[in-house]
Protein backbone atom coordinates (compact mmCIF):
# COMPACT_ATOMS: atom_id res chain seq x y z
CA MET A 1 -18.36 -30.51 5.78
CA THR A 2 -16.71 -27.15 5.17
CA ALA A 3 -16.97 -23.97 7.16
CA THR A 4 -15.78 -20.44 6.56
CA PRO A 5 -14.66 -18.59 9.70
CA GLU A 6 -16.05 -15.11 10.19
CA ASN A 7 -13.71 -12.22 10.91
CA ASN A 8 -16.19 -10.53 13.26
CA PRO A 9 -18.78 -13.10 14.40
CA GLY A 10 -21.03 -10.52 16.10
CA GLU A 11 -21.07 -8.17 13.12
CA ASN A 12 -24.17 -9.60 11.42
CA ILE A 13 -26.37 -9.94 14.52
CA ALA A 14 -29.44 -7.70 14.59
CA GLU A 15 -31.30 -7.07 17.86
CA PHE A 16 -34.39 -4.94 18.35
CA THR A 17 -37.40 -4.61 20.67
CA LEU A 18 -41.04 -4.38 19.63
CA PRO A 19 -43.17 -2.58 22.21
CA GLN A 20 -46.47 -4.45 22.76
CA GLY A 21 -45.29 -7.18 20.37
CA CYS A 22 -45.90 -10.27 22.54
CA MET A 23 -48.62 -12.50 21.13
CA LEU A 24 -49.50 -13.82 24.61
CA CYS A 25 -49.43 -10.90 27.02
CA GLY A 26 -48.92 -7.77 24.88
CA GLY A 27 -45.57 -6.96 26.48
CA ALA A 28 -42.39 -5.84 24.78
CA VAL A 29 -40.64 -8.53 22.72
CA SER A 30 -36.89 -8.69 22.12
CA ILE A 31 -35.93 -10.18 18.75
CA ARG A 32 -32.45 -11.35 17.79
CA SER A 33 -31.58 -12.35 14.23
CA THR A 34 -28.36 -14.07 13.17
CA PRO A 35 -27.33 -15.14 9.67
CA GLY A 36 -26.83 -18.82 10.50
CA GLY A 37 -29.31 -19.33 13.34
CA GLY A 38 -32.41 -17.55 12.10
CA SER A 39 -34.30 -15.33 14.51
CA HIS A 40 -35.71 -15.82 17.99
CA SER A 41 -37.96 -13.72 20.19
CA TYR A 42 -38.29 -13.43 23.98
CA CYS A 43 -40.81 -11.65 26.17
CA PRO A 44 -39.31 -10.77 29.57
CA HIS A 45 -42.79 -10.23 31.05
CA CYS A 46 -44.35 -13.68 30.44
CA HIS A 47 -41.13 -15.49 29.41
CA TRP A 48 -42.51 -16.62 26.04
CA LEU A 49 -39.82 -17.87 23.66
CA SER A 50 -40.49 -18.25 19.96
CA ARG A 51 -38.76 -18.81 16.66
CA THR A 52 -39.69 -15.97 14.32
CA ARG A 53 -39.56 -15.57 10.58
CA LEU A 54 -38.45 -12.19 9.28
CA ARG A 55 -39.08 -10.96 5.74
CA MET A 56 -38.06 -7.63 4.29
CA HIS A 57 -40.64 -5.92 2.10
CA LYS A 58 -40.49 -2.68 0.19
CA ASN A 59 -42.47 -0.83 2.89
CA GLY A 60 -41.05 -2.49 6.00
CA LEU A 61 -40.39 -5.67 7.94
CA GLU A 62 -42.84 -8.57 8.31
CA ILE A 63 -42.56 -10.72 11.44
CA ALA A 64 -44.30 -14.09 11.61
CA TYR A 65 -44.41 -16.48 14.56
CA ALA A 66 -44.30 -20.18 13.71
CA THR A 67 -47.26 -22.24 14.92
CA GLN A 68 -46.10 -25.23 16.96
CA GLY A 69 -49.51 -26.81 17.45
CA ASN A 70 -53.23 -26.22 17.32
CA ALA A 71 -55.86 -27.16 19.89
């Protein structure tokens, strides 16, 4: 296994908040995206954690929440 050390490890981390973006309670969702770890979201109101998928499009950003199970 080989690894390349980063000069500034925090340089490529993107963090943003989506008001009313929580799928469960409608609260604000904080999203953090890192190059190696993907992206994760957290709602401080209901404490929902999720792995998100981010895709850049010509007109904006698409955010998808992975489905873990269906009932």
